[in-house]
């Protein structure tokens, strides 16, 4: 299942949280962005919200879905800023890093 086509997400920019060995960040968690998470992400050096027209990137806004690095989600969780997770669009390799029970605690519906 796709995570998001607008904004276009995924390591391969296919809309899906697919991965392979070249994806060192493991962009496998489909999240629903929140204001709190976006502020946290900016604070730790990854500003997802600012538009970057030179890359045809409008910026991630609260409510948008986005493929997030598994370790960044875990870091946000530890800081109390973890965004909701769309399990149906999250790649199963996320389970190598984050227990399913924890992801289920933050699960939201696909729509």
C-alpha atoms as a PDB file:
ATOM      1  CA  UNK A   1       0.000   0.000   0.000  1.00  0.00           C
ATOM      2  CA  UNK A   2       1.206   3.492  -0.809  1.00  0.00           C
ATOM      3  CA  UNK A   3       2.057   5.912   1.970  1.00  0.00           C
ATOM      4  CA  UNK A   4       1.733   9.197   0.025  1.00  0.00           C
ATOM      5  CA  UNK A   5       1.829  10.567  -3.498  1.00  0.00           C
ATOM      6  CA  UNK A   6       1.366  14.158  -2.313  1.00  0.00           C
ATOM      7  CA  UNK A   7       3.869  14.884  -1.038  1.00  0.00           C
ATOM      8  CA  UNK A   8       5.651  12.166  -2.978  1.00  0.00           C
ATOM      9  CA  UNK A   9       7.487  10.077  -0.416  1.00  0.00           C
ATOM     10  CA  UNK A  10       9.652   7.016  -0.048  1.00  0.00           C
ATOM     11  CA  UNK A  11      13.352   6.420  -0.466  1.00  0.00           C
ATOM     12  CA  UNK A  12      12.717   5.723  -4.157  1.00  0.00           C
ATOM     13  CA  UNK A  13      10.049   8.493  -4.416  1.00  0.00           C
ATOM     14  CA  UNK A  14       7.427   5.967  -5.501  1.00  0.00           C
ATOM     15  CA  UNK A  15       4.914   6.861  -2.801  1.00  0.00           C
ATOM     16  CA  UNK A  16       5.713   3.629  -0.945  1.00  0.00           C
ATOM     17  CA  UNK A  17       8.020   2.955   2.012  1.00  0.00           C
ATOM     18  CA  UNK A  18      10.025   0.362   0.072  1.00  0.00           C
ATOM     19  CA  UNK A  19      13.685  -0.215   0.829  1.00  0.00           C
ATOM     20  CA  UNK A  20      16.813  -2.023  -0.252  1.00  0.00           C
ATOM     21  CA  UNK A  21      20.441  -2.222   0.856  1.00  0.00           C
ATOM     22  CA  UNK A  22      21.201   1.269  -0.532  1.00  0.00           C
ATOM     23  CA  UNK A  23      18.674   2.847   1.878  1.00  0.00           C
ATOM     24  CA  UNK A  24      20.982   3.353   4.821  1.00  0.00           C
ATOM     25  CA  UNK A  25      18.356   5.408   6.672  1.00  0.00           C
ATOM     26  CA  UNK A  26      15.694   2.681   6.390  1.00  0.00           C
ATOM     27  CA  UNK A  27      12.828   4.974   5.282  1.00  0.00           C
ATOM     28  CA  UNK A  28      10.241   2.327   6.140  1.00  0.00           C
ATOM     29  CA  UNK A  29       7.772   3.833   8.644  1.00  0.00           C
ATOM     30  CA  UNK A  30       4.703   5.484   7.121  1.00  0.00           C
ATOM     31  CA  UNK A  31       3.742   8.282   9.492  1.00  0.00           C
ATOM     32  CA  UNK A  32       1.017  10.858   9.693  1.00  0.00           C
ATOM     33  CA  UNK A  33       2.935  14.046  10.437  1.00  0.00           C
ATOM     34  CA  UNK A  34       2.072  16.155  13.459  1.00  0.00           C
ATOM     35  CA  UNK A  35       3.109  19.686  14.331  1.00  0.00           C
ATOM     36  CA  UNK A  36       5.018  18.323  17.328  1.00  0.00           C
ATOM     37  CA  UNK A  37       6.911  15.768  15.271  1.00  0.00           C
ATOM     38  CA  UNK A  38       7.831  18.282  12.558  1.00  0.00           C
ATOM     39  CA  UNK A  39       9.181  20.671  15.211  1.00  0.00           C
ATOM     40  CA  UNK A  40      11.171  17.811  16.764  1.00  0.00           C
ATOM     41  CA  UNK A  41      12.566  16.770  13.382  1.00  0.00           C
ATOM     42  CA  UNK A  42      13.686  20.319  12.640  1.00  0.00           C
ATOM     43  CA  UNK A  43      15.269  20.577  16.095  1.00  0.00           C
ATOM     44  CA  UNK A  44      17.378  17.469  15.464  1.00  0.00           C
ATOM     45  CA  UNK A  45      18.523  18.671  12.051  1.00  0.00           C
ATOM     46  CA  UNK A  46      16.000  17.389   9.502  1.00  0.00           C
ATOM     47  CA  UNK A  47      13.631  20.186   8.499  1.00  0.00           C
ATOM     48  CA  UNK A  48      10.862  18.377   6.637  1.00  0.00           C
ATOM     49  CA  UNK A  49       8.381  21.264   6.745  1.00  0.00           C
ATOM     50  CA  UNK A  50      10.210  23.924   4.729  1.00  0.00           C
ATOM     51  CA  UNK A  51       9.384  23.856   1.015  1.00  0.00           C
ATOM     52  CA  UNK A  52      12.350  23.226  -1.294  1.00  0.00           C
ATOM     53  CA  UNK A  53      11.114  24.205  -4.770  1.00  0.00           C
ATOM     54  CA  UNK A  54      14.507  23.417  -6.308  1.00  0.00           C
ATOM     55  CA  UNK A  55      13.741  19.760  -5.491  1.00  0.00           C
ATOM     56  CA  UNK A  56      10.026  20.058  -6.299  1.00  0.00           C
ATOM     57  CA  UNK A  57       9.340  19.506  -2.590  1.00  0.00           C
ATOM     58  CA  UNK A  58       6.435  21.425  -1.041  1.00  0.00           C
ATOM     59  CA  UNK A  59       7.351  20.473   2.511  1.00  0.00           C
ATOM     60  CA  UNK A  60       5.584  18.078   4.842  1.00  0.00           C
ATOM     61  CA  UNK A  61       2.655  19.600   6.714  1.00  0.00           C
ATOM     62  CA  UNK A  62       0.696  18.303   9.716  1.00  0.00           C
ATOM     63  CA  UNK A  63      -1.654  15.585   8.498  1.00  0.00           C
ATOM     64  CA  UNK A  64       0.577  14.578   5.571  1.00  0.00           C
ATOM     65  CA  UNK A  65       1.790  11.023   5.333  1.00  0.00           C
ATOM     66  CA  UNK A  66       5.543  10.479   4.943  1.00  0.00           C
ATOM     67  CA  UNK A  67       8.032   7.582   4.877  1.00  0.00           C
ATOM     68  CA  UNK A  68      10.257   8.126   7.880  1.00  0.00           C
ATOM     69  CA  UNK A  69      13.518   6.506   8.919  1.00  0.00           C
ATOM     70  CA  UNK A  70      12.868   3.843  11.528  1.00  0.00           C
ATOM     71  CA  UNK A  71      15.581   5.116  13.854  1.00  0.00           C
ATOM     72  CA  UNK A  72      14.247   8.690  13.596  1.00  0.00           C
ATOM     73  CA  UNK A  73      10.780   7.456  14.598  1.00  0.00           C
ATOM     74  CA  UNK A  74      12.319   5.642  17.560  1.00  0.00           C
ATOM     75  CA  UNK A  75      14.283   8.773  18.495  1.00  0.00           C
ATOM     76  CA  UNK A  76      11.073  10.828  18.319  1.00  0.00           C
ATOM     77  CA  UNK A  77       9.314   8.245  20.470  1.00  0.00           C
ATOM     78  CA  UNK A  78      12.018   8.470  23.122  1.00  0.00           C
ATOM     79  CA  UNK A  79      11.641  12.287  23.065  1.00  0.00           C
ATOM     80  CA  UNK A  80       7.839  12.106  23.400  1.00  0.00           C
ATOM     81  CA  UNK A  81       7.237  13.351  19.850  1.00  0.00           C
ATOM     82  CA  UNK A  82       6.501  10.159  17.882  1.00  0.00           C
ATOM     83  CA  UNK A  83       3.956  10.661  15.106  1.00  0.00           C
ATOM     84  CA  UNK A  84       1.121   8.226  14.388  1.00  0.00           C
ATOM     85  CA  UNK A  85       2.005   5.238  12.193  1.00  0.00           C
ATOM     86  CA  UNK A  86       0.053   3.925   9.192  1.00  0.00           C
ATOM     87  CA  UNK A  87       0.813   0.228   9.662  1.00  0.00           C
ATOM     88  CA  UNK A  88      -0.741  -0.828   6.362  1.00  0.00           C
ATOM     89  CA  UNK A  89       1.807   1.311   4.469  1.00  0.00           C
ATOM     90  CA  UNK A  90       4.814   0.609   6.728  1.00  0.00           C
ATOM     91  CA  UNK A  91       7.418  -1.808   5.360  1.00  0.00           C
ATOM     92  CA  UNK A  92       7.718  -5.011   7.381  1.00  0.00           C
ATOM     93  CA  UNK A  93      11.483  -4.507   7.765  1.00  0.00           C
ATOM     94  CA  UNK A  94      10.615  -1.833  10.349  1.00  0.00           C
ATOM     95  CA  UNK A  95      10.091  -4.751  12.735  1.00  0.00           C
ATOM     96  CA  UNK A  96      13.847  -5.374  12.726  1.00  0.00           C
ATOM     97  CA  UNK A  97      14.184  -2.082  14.631  1.00  0.00           C
ATOM     98  CA  UNK A  98      10.851  -1.410  16.352  1.00  0.00           C
ATOM     99  CA  UNK A  99       8.619  -4.015  18.019  1.00  0.00           C
ATOM    100  CA  UNK A 100       5.188  -4.469  16.456  1.00  0.00           C
ATOM    101  CA  UNK A 101       3.525  -3.860  19.818  1.00  0.00           C
ATOM    102  CA  UNK A 102       5.051  -0.376  19.980  1.00  0.00           C
ATOM    103  CA  UNK A 103       4.041   0.463  16.418  1.00  0.00           C
ATOM    104  CA  UNK A 104       0.506  -0.728  17.155  1.00  0.00           C
ATOM    105  CA  UNK A 105       0.300   1.721  20.076  1.00  0.00           C
ATOM    106  CA  UNK A 106       0.746   4.551  17.554  1.00  0.00           C
ATOM    107  CA  UNK A 107      -1.270   3.035  14.709  1.00  0.00           C
ATOM    108  CA  UNK A 108      -3.880   5.026  12.808  1.00  0.00           C
ATOM    109  CA  UNK A 109      -6.107   3.955   9.947  1.00  0.00           C
ATOM    110  CA  UNK A 110      -4.909   4.035   6.377  1.00  0.00           C
ATOM    111  CA  UNK A 111      -7.441   6.636   5.279  1.00  0.00           C
END
